[in-house]
């Protein structure tokens, strides 16, 4: 029996667990089994925490596990089916034990809210759960920016149209929130902090609250939208107390009607020079914390705020009550190296306190026509984001290619779907090495063979960088040897698949005595760790990466 021939699908009941909660596992088999045994190992990093042996008859297996009660830990569960003492098949899944979703955010989205049945909604949430998505941005669900829910006789309407005149059903929004909560996911209500439709004055908005493109309030700033949509979006001053009260009142009504967990606050990036109604020049980014802190005081929910192209991120990180930092990455950060720089910049802005989610839209121009996402482009970008300590807003009912989330010309191939599951398992299982207040290390890995290893992201080379955590050094290797572009968005879907390299020899200058070197990769053995042979002579440590496809991680631990 060859690997992959028996085990079909492994899942958990939640995307994340609070310490003390029991994890429920469910394993589907491709065919009934008898006579063998299921051997389960629970690992924290490379160390076995607990083992169990289970038997089953039939084609499925359900069991539970009580993880250690440590806060903010990632685990890998390895499930082996053994016959006659040999492993016939294996399947892995990760487990996140964190009471605070903002510590290790894995953000997804929903963008379609017509009247649909419970089964359809359940399938969407079940899929996001398999990627351990622990927070969901409900995108463009609302009626109007200045009036998220339309009410009649004090009750929400059953249906309304969104800004693009697409149908939204109240019960669908509510149903998705309830399903998210059952999976341990947070539901985030999307809205701008300064936008309203052209008819805002009919609903009590005042021109005096607006943002203007000139000091004489001749032209209110607006974000133009397609003619067939409900309205352009007109800008208001986030620091104006009357505007704050108006919009926060509307959000209070929203949170009373729907059990959202927080507000995903959007902006529109750098708008250029702006003035208030009475002719005062305004620094837009500096108005954001004032708005968010007022909102937090009146509406004590979770906050996340988009920094478009990093606009306003520094002041958001320092002064706003956000759960994590969120950057929508655009052309001012075009290269793979820039993704790492944005994540590290965010970490610096927040004093290494807050983690980062990147909204980074893939295969942008390829998605102008129907087709498939380009697997190498997606995996290389996720490798860079995850290795750098971030996560990627990309998964929803579909996968993001553009800033308008309902756009869905491209679909995922079954192969990409499967590989992404391994990447998200890896992100969770090793979260304490990837994004748990790691710091940069001065150590550098160098190539020993014909494969060039560089500490910069360069075409034709393996990019290596090193992080430090709890006295361990974590070496990342990302394979750009065969890359056809160094632009992360792989806009036309042309990024090439890297050839797998074997026995890649690397060396590191270090005097400190090494106790062990171990390796893990989302591209091999479903992320399971393995110990590596190494040698240390004359202040140089050497080892071989068994295989390198997209991304490998090697961890060096030292003698006490």
Protein backbone atom coordinates (compact mmCIF):
# COMPACT_ATOMS: atom_id res chain seq x y z
CA UNK A 1 0.00 0.00 0.00
CA UNK A 2 1.54 3.36 -0.99
CA UNK A 3 1.26 6.62 0.93
CA UNK A 4 -1.90 8.57 0.13
CA UNK A 5 -3.88 5.53 -0.90
CA UNK A 6 -6.01 5.19 2.23
CA UNK A 7 -6.50 8.41 4.23
CA UNK A 8 -8.76 10.90 2.50
CA UNK A 9 -9.43 13.90 4.73
CA UNK A 10 -8.46 14.98 8.24
CA UNK A 11 -10.21 17.86 10.03
CA UNK A 12 -10.69 19.49 13.43
CA UNK A 13 -13.88 21.03 14.79
CA UNK A 14 -12.39 24.53 15.25
CA UNK A 15 -9.89 26.90 13.70
CA UNK A 16 -8.37 27.68 17.12
CA UNK A 17 -8.86 26.53 20.71
CA UNK A 18 -8.76 28.23 24.07
CA UNK A 19 -6.46 26.60 26.66
CA UNK A 20 -8.40 23.79 28.33
CA UNK A 21 -10.66 23.13 25.32
CA UNK A 22 -10.74 19.65 23.83
CA UNK A 23 -9.84 19.19 20.14
CA UNK A 24 -12.19 16.96 18.13
CA UNK A 25 -10.57 15.22 15.14
CA UNK A 26 -12.37 13.55 12.27
CA UNK A 27 -10.64 11.32 9.73
CA UNK A 28 -12.32 10.09 6.55
CA UNK A 29 -10.87 7.04 4.83
CA UNK A 30 -11.03 6.24 1.13
CA UNK A 31 -12.15 2.68 1.95
CA UNK A 32 -13.01 0.69 5.08
CA UNK A 33 -10.08 -0.79 7.02
CA UNK A 34 -9.63 -3.57 9.53
CA UNK A 35 -6.68 -5.13 11.27
CA UNK A 36 -4.40 -2.10 11.34
CA UNK A 37 -3.86 0.53 14.00
CA UNK A 38 -3.88 4.31 13.92
CA UNK A 39 -0.84 5.76 15.64
CA UNK A 40 -1.24 9.45 16.51
CA UNK A 41 1.60 11.72 17.58
CA UNK A 42 1.09 15.25 18.87
CA UNK A 43 4.13 17.48 18.41
CA UNK A 44 5.08 20.94 19.61
CA UNK A 45 7.76 22.00 17.13
CA UNK A 46 9.89 18.84 16.80
CA UNK A 47 9.15 17.34 20.24
CA UNK A 48 6.50 14.69 20.84
CA UNK A 49 4.03 15.90 23.48
CA UNK A 50 1.77 12.83 23.56
CA UNK A 51 1.01 9.68 21.59
CA UNK A 52 -2.09 7.53 21.18
CA UNK A 53 -3.09 4.35 19.38
CA UNK A 54 -6.61 3.83 18.09
CA UNK A 55 -8.44 1.15 16.13
CA UNK A 56 -11.42 1.50 13.86
CA UNK A 57 -13.67 -0.56 11.69
CA UNK A 58 -15.24 1.17 8.76
CA UNK A 59 -14.27 4.25 6.79
CA UNK A 60 -13.99 6.97 9.43
CA UNK A 61 -12.45 7.71 12.78
CA UNK A 62 -13.38 10.38 15.34
CA UNK A 63 -11.41 11.09 18.51
CA UNK A 64 -10.50 13.91 20.89
CA UNK A 65 -7.31 15.30 22.43
CA UNK A 66 -6.74 17.62 25.36
CA UNK A 67 -3.65 19.70 24.52
CA UNK A 68 -1.43 21.12 27.27
CA UNK A 69 -3.03 24.25 28.73
CA UNK A 70 -0.18 26.55 27.65
CA UNK A 71 -1.35 29.77 26.03
CA UNK A 72 -0.47 30.60 22.40
CA UNK A 73 1.01 27.30 21.26
CA UNK A 74 1.03 25.60 17.86
CA UNK A 75 0.92 21.80 17.49
CA UNK A 76 1.12 19.24 14.70
CA UNK A 77 -0.94 16.05 14.89
CA UNK A 78 0.56 13.26 12.78
CA UNK A 79 -1.80 10.37 12.02
CA UNK A 80 -0.16 7.14 10.81
CA UNK A 81 -2.07 4.08 9.66
CA UNK A 82 0.12 1.09 10.50
CA UNK A 83 -0.17 -2.46 9.22
CA UNK A 84 2.19 -5.17 10.46
CA UNK A 85 4.24 -2.54 12.28
CA UNK A 86 4.83 -0.48 9.13
CA UNK A 87 3.36 2.88 8.14
CA UNK A 88 0.95 2.37 5.24
CA UNK A 89 -0.30 5.98 5.08
CA UNK A 90 0.04 9.30 6.92
CA UNK A 91 -1.91 12.52 7.25
CA UNK A 92 -1.14 15.62 9.35
CA UNK A 93 -3.12 18.56 10.71
CA UNK A 94 -2.16 21.52 12.89
CA UNK A 95 -3.80 22.81 16.09
CA UNK A 96 -3.65 26.37 17.43
CA UNK A 97 -4.22 26.79 21.18
CA UNK A 98 -4.65 30.55 21.61
CA UNK A 99 -7.38 32.41 23.47
CA UNK A 100 -6.52 35.63 21.63
CA UNK A 101 -7.12 35.50 17.85
CA UNK A 102 -5.08 38.65 17.25
CA UNK A 103 -1.90 36.94 18.47
CA UNK A 104 -1.66 34.63 15.45
CA UNK A 105 -4.18 36.11 13.00
CA UNK A 106 -5.13 34.01 9.97
CA UNK A 107 -7.60 36.25 8.21
CA UNK A 108 -10.08 35.17 5.55
CA UNK A 109 -13.04 36.88 3.92
CA UNK A 110 -16.63 36.47 2.74
CA UNK A 111 -18.00 38.57 -0.11
CA UNK A 112 -21.32 37.02 -1.27
CA UNK A 113 -24.46 37.32 0.86
CA UNK A 114 -27.52 36.53 -1.29
CA UNK A 115 -30.24 34.24 0.08
CA UNK A 116 -28.47 30.86 0.16
CA UNK A 117 -29.14 27.66 2.06
CA UNK A 118 -27.44 26.54 5.24
CA UNK A 119 -25.62 23.70 3.48
CA UNK A 120 -23.87 26.08 1.09
CA UNK A 121 -22.79 28.37 3.93
CA UNK A 122 -21.60 25.41 6.00
CA UNK A 123 -19.40 24.17 3.15
CA UNK A 124 -17.73 27.58 2.82
CA UNK A 125 -17.01 27.86 6.56
CA UNK A 126 -15.93 24.21 6.80
CA UNK A 127 -13.34 24.83 4.08
CA UNK A 128 -12.01 27.98 5.78
CA UNK A 129 -11.85 26.02 9.04
CA UNK A 130 -9.54 23.48 7.38
CA UNK A 131 -7.13 26.36 6.70
CA UNK A 132 -7.43 27.36 10.40
CA UNK A 133 -8.81 30.78 9.39
CA UNK A 134 -9.56 32.37 12.78
CA UNK A 135 -11.01 35.70 11.64
CA UNK A 136 -13.31 36.58 8.73
CA UNK A 137 -13.72 39.97 7.08
CA UNK A 138 -17.34 40.38 5.91
CA UNK A 139 -16.70 42.48 2.82
CA UNK A 140 -19.32 44.87 1.32
CA UNK A 141 -22.16 43.22 3.19
CA UNK A 142 -23.70 46.55 4.18
CA UNK A 143 -26.51 48.62 2.69
CA UNK A 144 -24.69 51.98 2.76
CA UNK A 145 -21.48 53.10 4.42
CA UNK A 146 -23.39 55.69 6.47
CA UNK A 147 -26.23 53.24 7.20
CA UNK A 148 -24.96 49.65 7.27
CA UNK A 149 -28.38 48.11 7.93
CA UNK A 150 -31.70 49.49 6.67
CA UNK A 151 -34.38 49.39 9.38
CA UNK A 152 -38.16 49.55 9.16
CA UNK A 153 -40.28 49.95 12.31
CA UNK A 154 -37.12 49.31 14.34
CA UNK A 155 -36.36 45.98 12.67
CA UNK A 156 -33.68 45.18 10.06
CA UNK A 157 -35.00 44.61 6.54
CA UNK A 158 -34.77 41.01 5.33
CA UNK A 159 -32.93 42.05 2.14
CA UNK A 160 -31.14 45.03 0.63
CA UNK A 161 -28.70 45.91 -2.17
CA UNK A 162 -25.00 46.52 -1.54
CA UNK A 163 -22.98 49.32 -3.17
CA UNK A 164 -22.63 47.31 -6.41
CA UNK A 165 -26.39 46.65 -6.38
CA UNK A 166 -25.89 43.00 -5.48
CA UNK A 167 -28.51 41.36 -3.23
CA UNK A 168 -27.73 40.90 0.48
CA UNK A 169 -29.92 38.80 2.79
CA UNK A 170 -29.86 39.58 6.52
CA UNK A 171 -30.23 35.85 7.32
CA UNK A 172 -27.18 34.98 5.22
CA UNK A 173 -25.00 37.50 7.06
CA UNK A 174 -26.36 36.29 10.42
CA UNK A 175 -26.01 32.63 9.38
CA UNK A 176 -22.37 33.09 8.41
CA UNK A 177 -21.60 34.86 11.72
CA UNK A 178 -23.19 32.00 13.70
CA UNK A 179 -21.31 29.34 11.70
CA UNK A 180 -18.04 31.22 12.20
CA UNK A 181 -18.58 31.34 15.95
CA UNK A 182 -19.15 27.59 16.13
CA UNK A 183 -15.70 27.13 14.58
CA UNK A 184 -13.95 29.50 16.98
CA UNK A 185 -13.62 32.21 14.30
CA UNK A 186 -14.18 35.95 14.78
CA UNK A 187 -16.59 37.77 12.42
CA UNK A 188 -15.48 41.28 11.42
CA UNK A 189 -17.90 43.89 10.10
CA UNK A 190 -16.35 45.82 7.19
CA UNK A 191 -16.86 49.58 6.81
CA UNK A 192 -14.88 52.70 5.95
CA UNK A 193 -14.22 55.24 8.70
CA UNK A 194 -14.97 58.26 6.52
CA UNK A 195 -17.30 57.35 3.65
CA UNK A 196 -20.92 58.04 2.72
CA UNK A 197 -23.15 57.95 -0.36
CA UNK A 198 -24.11 61.06 -2.33
CA UNK A 199 -27.49 61.13 -0.56
CA UNK A 200 -25.93 61.37 2.91
CA UNK A 201 -27.46 64.76 3.69
CA UNK A 202 -30.96 63.24 3.49
CA UNK A 203 -29.88 60.98 6.36
CA UNK A 204 -28.57 63.77 8.56
CA UNK A 205 -24.99 64.20 7.33
CA UNK A 206 -23.69 67.76 7.16
CA UNK A 207 -21.45 69.38 4.56
CA UNK A 208 -19.53 70.90 7.49
CA UNK A 209 -18.24 67.40 8.38
CA UNK A 210 -16.77 66.79 4.93
CA UNK A 211 -13.20 66.58 3.61
CA UNK A 212 -12.47 68.92 0.71
CA UNK A 213 -9.92 69.13 -2.08
CA UNK A 214 -9.61 72.91 -1.61
CA UNK A 215 -9.65 75.33 1.35
CA UNK A 216 -12.91 76.98 0.20
CA UNK A 217 -15.00 73.73 0.40
CA UNK A 218 -15.86 73.98 -3.30
CA UNK A 219 -15.23 70.27 -4.00
CA UNK A 220 -15.76 67.43 -1.54
CA UNK A 221 -13.24 64.61 -1.93
CA UNK A 222 -14.81 61.49 -3.37
CA UNK A 223 -13.89 58.00 -4.50
CA UNK A 224 -15.49 57.46 -7.94
CA UNK A 225 -17.18 54.12 -8.62
CA UNK A 226 -18.75 52.57 -11.75
CA UNK A 227 -21.87 54.39 -13.01
CA UNK A 228 -24.11 51.35 -12.51
CA UNK A 229 -23.23 51.18 -8.79
CA UNK A 230 -25.36 52.82 -6.09
CA UNK A 231 -23.12 55.86 -5.53
CA UNK A 232 -19.64 57.29 -5.48
CA UNK A 233 -18.19 57.49 -1.96
CA UNK A 234 -17.90 60.96 -0.41
CA UNK A 235 -15.28 61.65 2.26
CA UNK A 236 -15.84 62.94 5.79
CA UNK A 237 -13.37 64.08 8.43
CA UNK A 238 -12.59 61.20 10.86
CA UNK A 239 -11.51 63.70 13.54
CA UNK A 240 -14.81 65.63 13.42
CA UNK A 241 -16.69 64.73 16.66
CA UNK A 242 -20.12 65.06 15.01
CA UNK A 243 -19.14 62.70 12.17
CA UNK A 244 -17.64 60.28 14.71
CA UNK A 245 -20.86 60.27 16.73
CA UNK A 246 -23.00 59.81 13.63
CA UNK A 247 -21.08 56.83 12.24
CA UNK A 248 -20.44 55.17 15.60
CA UNK A 249 -24.20 55.45 16.36
CA UNK A 250 -24.84 53.57 13.10
CA UNK A 251 -22.27 50.93 14.07
CA UNK A 252 -23.88 50.55 17.51
CA UNK A 253 -27.15 49.71 15.75
CA UNK A 254 -25.26 47.23 13.55
CA UNK A 255 -23.71 45.42 16.52
CA UNK A 256 -27.10 45.31 18.27
CA UNK A 257 -28.69 43.67 15.22
CA UNK A 258 -25.86 41.29 14.29
CA UNK A 259 -23.39 39.51 16.64
CA UNK A 260 -20.22 40.68 14.86
CA UNK A 261 -17.04 40.54 16.99
CA UNK A 262 -15.38 43.62 15.61
CA UNK A 263 -15.00 46.31 13.01
CA UNK A 264 -12.68 45.94 10.06
CA UNK A 265 -12.01 49.61 9.40
CA UNK A 266 -11.10 50.51 5.82
CA UNK A 267 -9.53 53.64 4.35
CA UNK A 268 -8.50 54.59 0.81
CA UNK A 269 -4.80 55.39 1.13
CA UNK A 270 -3.12 58.73 0.52
CA UNK A 271 -5.74 61.21 -0.77
CA UNK A 272 -3.30 64.07 -1.32
CA UNK A 273 -3.87 67.55 0.16
CA UNK A 274 -7.20 67.87 2.02
CA UNK A 275 -9.03 70.56 3.97
CA UNK A 276 -11.89 70.73 6.43
CA UNK A 277 -15.03 72.74 5.63
CA UNK A 278 -13.65 75.80 7.44
CA UNK A 279 -10.39 75.74 5.45
CA UNK A 280 -8.00 73.96 7.82
CA UNK A 281 -5.38 71.75 6.19
CA UNK A 282 -5.66 68.19 7.51
CA UNK A 283 -3.17 65.35 7.94
CA UNK A 284 -5.50 62.44 7.18
CA UNK A 285 -3.40 59.66 8.74
CA UNK A 286 -3.24 61.57 12.02
CA UNK A 287 -7.07 61.52 12.29
CA UNK A 288 -7.20 57.71 12.36
CA UNK A 289 -6.21 57.01 16.00
CA UNK A 290 -8.61 59.70 17.28
CA UNK A 291 -11.49 58.06 15.42
CA UNK A 292 -10.52 54.51 16.45
CA UNK A 293 -10.00 55.36 20.11
CA UNK A 294 -13.38 57.13 20.25
CA UNK A 295 -15.01 54.13 18.56
CA UNK A 296 -13.30 51.73 20.97
CA UNK A 297 -14.51 53.70 23.99
CA UNK A 298 -18.11 53.70 22.78
CA UNK A 299 -18.14 50.33 21.05
CA UNK A 300 -15.88 47.94 22.90
CA UNK A 301 -15.25 45.46 20.08
CA UNK A 302 -12.15 44.26 18.20
CA UNK A 303 -10.58 46.62 15.65
CA UNK A 304 -8.43 46.01 12.59
CA UNK A 305 -7.50 48.84 10.22
CA UNK A 306 -6.29 48.66 6.66
CA UNK A 307 -3.10 50.60 5.86
CA UNK A 308 -3.30 50.96 2.08
CA UNK A 309 0.25 50.76 0.74
CA UNK A 310 1.37 51.38 4.38
CA UNK A 311 -0.42 54.76 4.49
CA UNK A 312 -0.90 55.66 8.16
CA UNK A 313 0.50 52.36 9.46
CA UNK A 314 3.06 53.88 11.81
CA UNK A 315 0.52 55.97 13.70
CA UNK A 316 -2.04 53.11 13.66
CA UNK A 317 0.58 50.78 15.18
CA UNK A 318 1.55 53.23 17.89
CA UNK A 319 -1.74 54.84 18.87
CA UNK A 320 -4.75 52.82 17.70
CA UNK A 321 -6.47 49.94 19.58
CA UNK A 322 -5.98 47.33 16.83
CA UNK A 323 -5.63 43.56 17.24
CA UNK A 324 -2.90 43.28 14.60
CA UNK A 325 -1.55 45.29 11.69
CA UNK A 326 -3.06 44.93 8.23
CA UNK A 327 -1.37 46.19 5.10
CA UNK A 328 -2.90 46.22 1.63
CA UNK A 329 0.24 45.85 -0.50
CA UNK A 330 0.44 47.75 -3.77
CA UNK A 331 2.97 48.73 -6.44
CA UNK A 332 5.07 50.76 -4.02
CA UNK A 333 6.18 47.38 -2.55
CA UNK A 334 6.49 45.23 -5.71
CA UNK A 335 9.19 42.65 -4.90
CA UNK A 336 9.35 39.57 -2.69
CA UNK A 337 11.93 41.37 -0.55
CA UNK A 338 9.42 44.21 0.00
CA UNK A 339 6.91 41.81 1.59
CA UNK A 340 9.45 40.91 4.26
CA UNK A 341 10.34 44.59 4.70
CA UNK A 342 6.68 45.58 5.27
CA UNK A 343 6.21 42.85 7.90
CA UNK A 344 9.43 43.87 9.68
CA UNK A 345 8.55 47.57 9.43
CA UNK A 346 5.18 46.84 11.08
CA UNK A 347 6.89 44.90 13.82
CA UNK A 348 9.23 47.84 14.44
CA UNK A 349 6.34 50.35 14.46
CA UNK A 350 4.54 48.34 17.15
CA UNK A 351 7.64 47.57 19.25
CA UNK A 352 7.50 43.90 18.14
CA UNK A 353 4.06 43.72 19.76
CA UNK A 354 1.66 43.21 16.85
CA UNK A 355 1.64 40.64 14.09
CA UNK A 356 0.82 41.42 10.44
CA UNK A 357 -1.68 40.29 7.84
CA UNK A 358 -1.01 41.28 4.23
CA UNK A 359 -3.80 41.77 1.71
CA UNK A 360 -1.67 41.03 -1.36
CA UNK A 361 -3.67 40.33 -4.52
CA UNK A 362 -2.33 37.56 -6.75
CA UNK A 363 -2.43 37.03 -10.53
CA UNK A 364 -4.09 40.44 -10.89
CA UNK A 365 -4.15 40.74 -14.70
CA UNK A 366 -4.48 37.01 -15.30
CA UNK A 367 -7.80 37.32 -13.45
CA UNK A 368 -9.18 39.67 -16.13
CA UNK A 369 -10.28 36.45 -17.88
CA UNK A 370 -11.56 33.13 -16.48
CA UNK A 371 -8.85 30.62 -15.62
CA UNK A 372 -6.83 29.10 -12.79
CA UNK A 373 -4.51 30.67 -10.22
CA UNK A 374 -0.85 29.98 -11.01
CA UNK A 375 0.34 27.59 -8.30
CA UNK A 376 4.07 28.55 -8.21
CA UNK A 377 3.21 32.25 -7.91
CA UNK A 378 0.85 31.65 -4.98
CA UNK A 379 3.18 29.30 -3.10
CA UNK A 380 6.30 31.46 -3.46
CA UNK A 381 4.44 34.52 -2.16
CA UNK A 382 2.95 32.58 0.76
CA UNK A 383 6.39 31.13 1.52
CA UNK A 384 7.88 34.64 1.75
CA UNK A 385 5.00 36.05 3.84
CA UNK A 386 4.87 33.09 6.24
CA UNK A 387 8.66 32.81 6.64
CA UNK A 388 8.84 36.56 7.31
CA UNK A 389 6.34 36.23 10.16
CA UNK A 390 3.14 37.39 8.45
CA UNK A 391 -0.01 35.80 7.10
CA UNK A 392 -1.90 36.41 3.87
CA UNK A 393 -5.51 37.53 3.43
CA UNK A 394 -6.36 35.40 0.39
CA UNK A 395 -8.96 32.75 1.20
CA UNK A 396 -12.73 33.20 1.16
CA UNK A 397 -15.51 31.63 -0.88
CA UNK A 398 -12.76 31.65 -3.50
CA UNK A 399 -9.32 33.33 -3.47
CA UNK A 400 -8.39 36.98 -3.90
CA UNK A 401 -7.02 38.33 -7.17
CA UNK A 402 -8.25 41.95 -6.91
CA UNK A 403 -9.15 44.57 -4.31
CA UNK A 404 -12.82 44.04 -5.17
CA UNK A 405 -13.33 40.80 -3.27
CA UNK A 406 -16.39 39.45 -5.16
CA UNK A 407 -14.27 39.32 -8.36
CA UNK A 408 -13.73 35.63 -9.02
CA UNK A 409 -12.61 34.79 -12.53
CA UNK A 410 -9.84 32.48 -11.31
CA UNK A 411 -10.31 29.22 -9.45
CA UNK A 412 -7.91 27.05 -7.46
CA UNK A 413 -6.78 23.75 -8.91
CA UNK A 414 -7.23 20.73 -6.57
CA UNK A 415 -3.43 20.52 -6.40
CA UNK A 416 -3.07 24.14 -5.24
CA UNK A 417 -5.87 23.66 -2.68
CA UNK A 418 -4.07 20.63 -1.25
CA UNK A 419 -0.69 22.37 -1.13
CA UNK A 420 -2.19 25.44 0.54
CA UNK A 421 -3.61 23.23 3.30
CA UNK A 422 -0.05 22.06 4.01
CA UNK A 423 1.15 25.70 4.05
CA UNK A 424 -1.53 26.77 6.53
CA UNK A 425 -0.87 23.70 8.71
CA UNK A 426 2.80 24.70 8.68
CA UNK A 427 1.94 28.31 9.61
CA UNK A 428 -0.01 27.06 12.65
CA UNK A 429 2.19 24.15 13.76
CA UNK A 430 5.33 26.32 13.79
CA UNK A 431 3.70 29.63 14.75
CA UNK A 432 5.97 29.90 17.81
CA UNK A 433 9.02 29.90 15.52
CA UNK A 434 7.50 31.95 12.70
CA UNK A 435 5.59 34.79 14.36
CA UNK A 436 5.81 34.67 18.15
CA UNK A 437 7.94 37.81 18.80
CA UNK A 438 10.91 36.47 16.83
CA UNK A 439 13.90 38.72 16.24
CA UNK A 440 16.37 39.01 13.38
CA UNK A 441 19.54 36.93 13.75
CA UNK A 442 22.94 38.02 12.49
CA UNK A 443 23.79 34.49 11.34
CA UNK A 444 24.01 33.87 7.60
CA UNK A 445 23.71 30.59 5.75
CA UNK A 446 25.93 30.13 2.70
CA UNK A 447 25.72 27.61 -0.11
CA UNK A 448 28.48 25.01 -0.41
CA UNK A 449 27.66 23.56 -3.80
CA UNK A 450 26.70 24.99 -7.19
CA UNK A 451 23.46 26.40 -5.73
CA UNK A 452 23.87 30.10 -4.95
CA UNK A 453 22.49 31.20 -1.56
CA UNK A 454 21.98 34.92 -0.94
CA UNK A 455 20.73 37.00 1.99
CA UNK A 456 18.76 39.08 -0.54
CA UNK A 457 15.83 37.97 -2.70
CA UNK A 458 17.58 37.54 -6.05
CA UNK A 459 16.50 35.83 -9.24
CA UNK A 460 18.43 32.61 -9.85
CA UNK A 461 19.39 32.16 -6.19
CA UNK A 462 18.10 30.67 -2.97
CA UNK A 463 17.11 33.46 -0.56
CA UNK A 464 18.07 32.71 3.03
CA UNK A 465 17.41 34.75 6.15
CA UNK A 466 17.56 33.91 9.84
CA UNK A 467 15.37 34.63 12.85
CA UNK A 468 15.95 34.02 16.56
CA UNK A 469 13.55 32.79 19.23
CA UNK A 470 14.19 31.38 22.72
CA UNK A 471 17.86 30.77 21.98
CA UNK A 472 17.15 28.89 18.72
CA UNK A 473 18.21 30.11 15.29
CA UNK A 474 15.63 29.59 12.54
CA UNK A 475 16.99 29.51 8.98
CA UNK A 476 14.62 30.01 6.06
CA UNK A 477 15.46 29.00 2.48
CA UNK A 478 13.21 30.22 -0.34
CA UNK A 479 13.98 28.91 -3.79
CA UNK A 480 14.17 31.58 -6.53
CA UNK A 481 16.65 29.52 -8.58
CA UNK A 482 14.19 29.09 -11.46
CA UNK A 483 12.04 32.20 -10.86
CA UNK A 484 10.91 34.03 -14.01
CA UNK A 485 9.94 37.17 -12.03
CA UNK A 486 10.79 38.68 -8.66
CA UNK A 487 7.46 40.51 -8.39
CA UNK A 488 5.35 38.80 -5.76
CA UNK A 489 1.95 39.41 -7.38
CA UNK A 490 2.82 37.28 -10.45
CA UNK A 491 0.30 39.50 -12.19
CA UNK A 492 0.12 37.55 -15.46
CA UNK A 493 0.41 34.12 -13.84
CA UNK A 494 3.77 33.33 -15.44
CA UNK A 495 5.90 32.48 -12.39
CA UNK A 496 7.72 29.19 -13.06
CA UNK A 497 7.68 26.12 -10.86
CA UNK A 498 11.07 25.60 -9.19
CA UNK A 499 12.90 22.35 -9.88
CA UNK A 500 13.29 20.32 -6.70
CA UNK A 501 16.86 20.40 -5.39
CA UNK A 502 18.21 17.53 -3.29
CA UNK A 503 20.90 17.40 -0.62
CA UNK A 504 21.50 21.14 -0.63
CA UNK A 505 24.67 21.68 1.42
CA UNK A 506 24.81 24.85 3.55
CA UNK A 507 27.29 26.25 6.05
CA UNK A 508 27.06 28.83 8.82
CA UNK A 509 29.90 30.46 10.70
CA UNK A 510 29.27 29.87 14.41
CA UNK A 511 31.39 29.04 17.43
CA UNK A 512 28.60 28.12 19.84
CA UNK A 513 28.35 24.30 20.33
CA UNK A 514 25.31 22.93 18.50
CA UNK A 515 23.08 20.26 20.08
CA UNK A 516 20.82 19.52 17.10
CA UNK A 517 19.67 20.66 13.68
CA UNK A 518 16.20 19.83 12.47
CA UNK A 519 14.25 20.54 9.30
CA UNK A 520 10.63 21.02 8.25
CA UNK A 521 8.97 22.18 5.05
CA UNK A 522 5.36 22.61 3.94
CA UNK A 523 6.45 21.00 0.66
CA UNK A 524 7.50 17.63 2.20
CA UNK A 525 5.94 15.03 4.41
CA UNK A 526 3.05 17.43 5.18
CA UNK A 527 5.33 19.58 7.32
CA UNK A 528 6.54 16.84 9.71
CA UNK A 529 9.89 17.69 11.32
CA UNK A 530 13.00 15.56 10.91
CA UNK A 531 16.43 15.64 12.55
CA UNK A 532 19.43 16.30 10.31
CA UNK A 533 23.01 15.13 10.54
CA UNK A 534 25.44 18.02 10.94
CA UNK A 535 29.10 18.69 11.57
CA UNK A 536 30.75 21.57 13.39
CA UNK A 537 34.47 22.19 12.86
CA UNK A 538 36.70 25.25 13.19
CA UNK A 539 33.76 27.56 13.86
CA UNK A 540 31.71 26.38 10.84
CA UNK A 541 28.45 24.42 11.07
CA UNK A 542 27.40 22.42 8.00
CA UNK A 543 24.34 20.36 7.14
CA UNK A 544 22.30 19.32 4.09
CA UNK A 545 18.70 20.22 3.35
CA UNK A 546 17.29 16.85 2.16
CA UNK A 547 15.07 18.52 -0.46
CA UNK A 548 14.27 22.10 -1.44
CA UNK A 549 11.24 22.93 -3.58
CA UNK A 550 9.71 26.30 -2.55
CA UNK A 551 10.54 26.80 1.13
CA UNK A 552 12.52 24.96 3.79
CA UNK A 553 13.03 25.83 7.45
CA UNK A 554 16.02 24.56 9.45
CA UNK A 555 16.23 25.09 13.21
CA UNK A 556 19.53 25.08 15.10
CA UNK A 557 19.44 24.36 18.84
CA UNK A 558 22.44 24.78 21.11
CA UNK A 559 24.04 22.93 23.99
CA UNK A 560 23.19 24.36 27.40
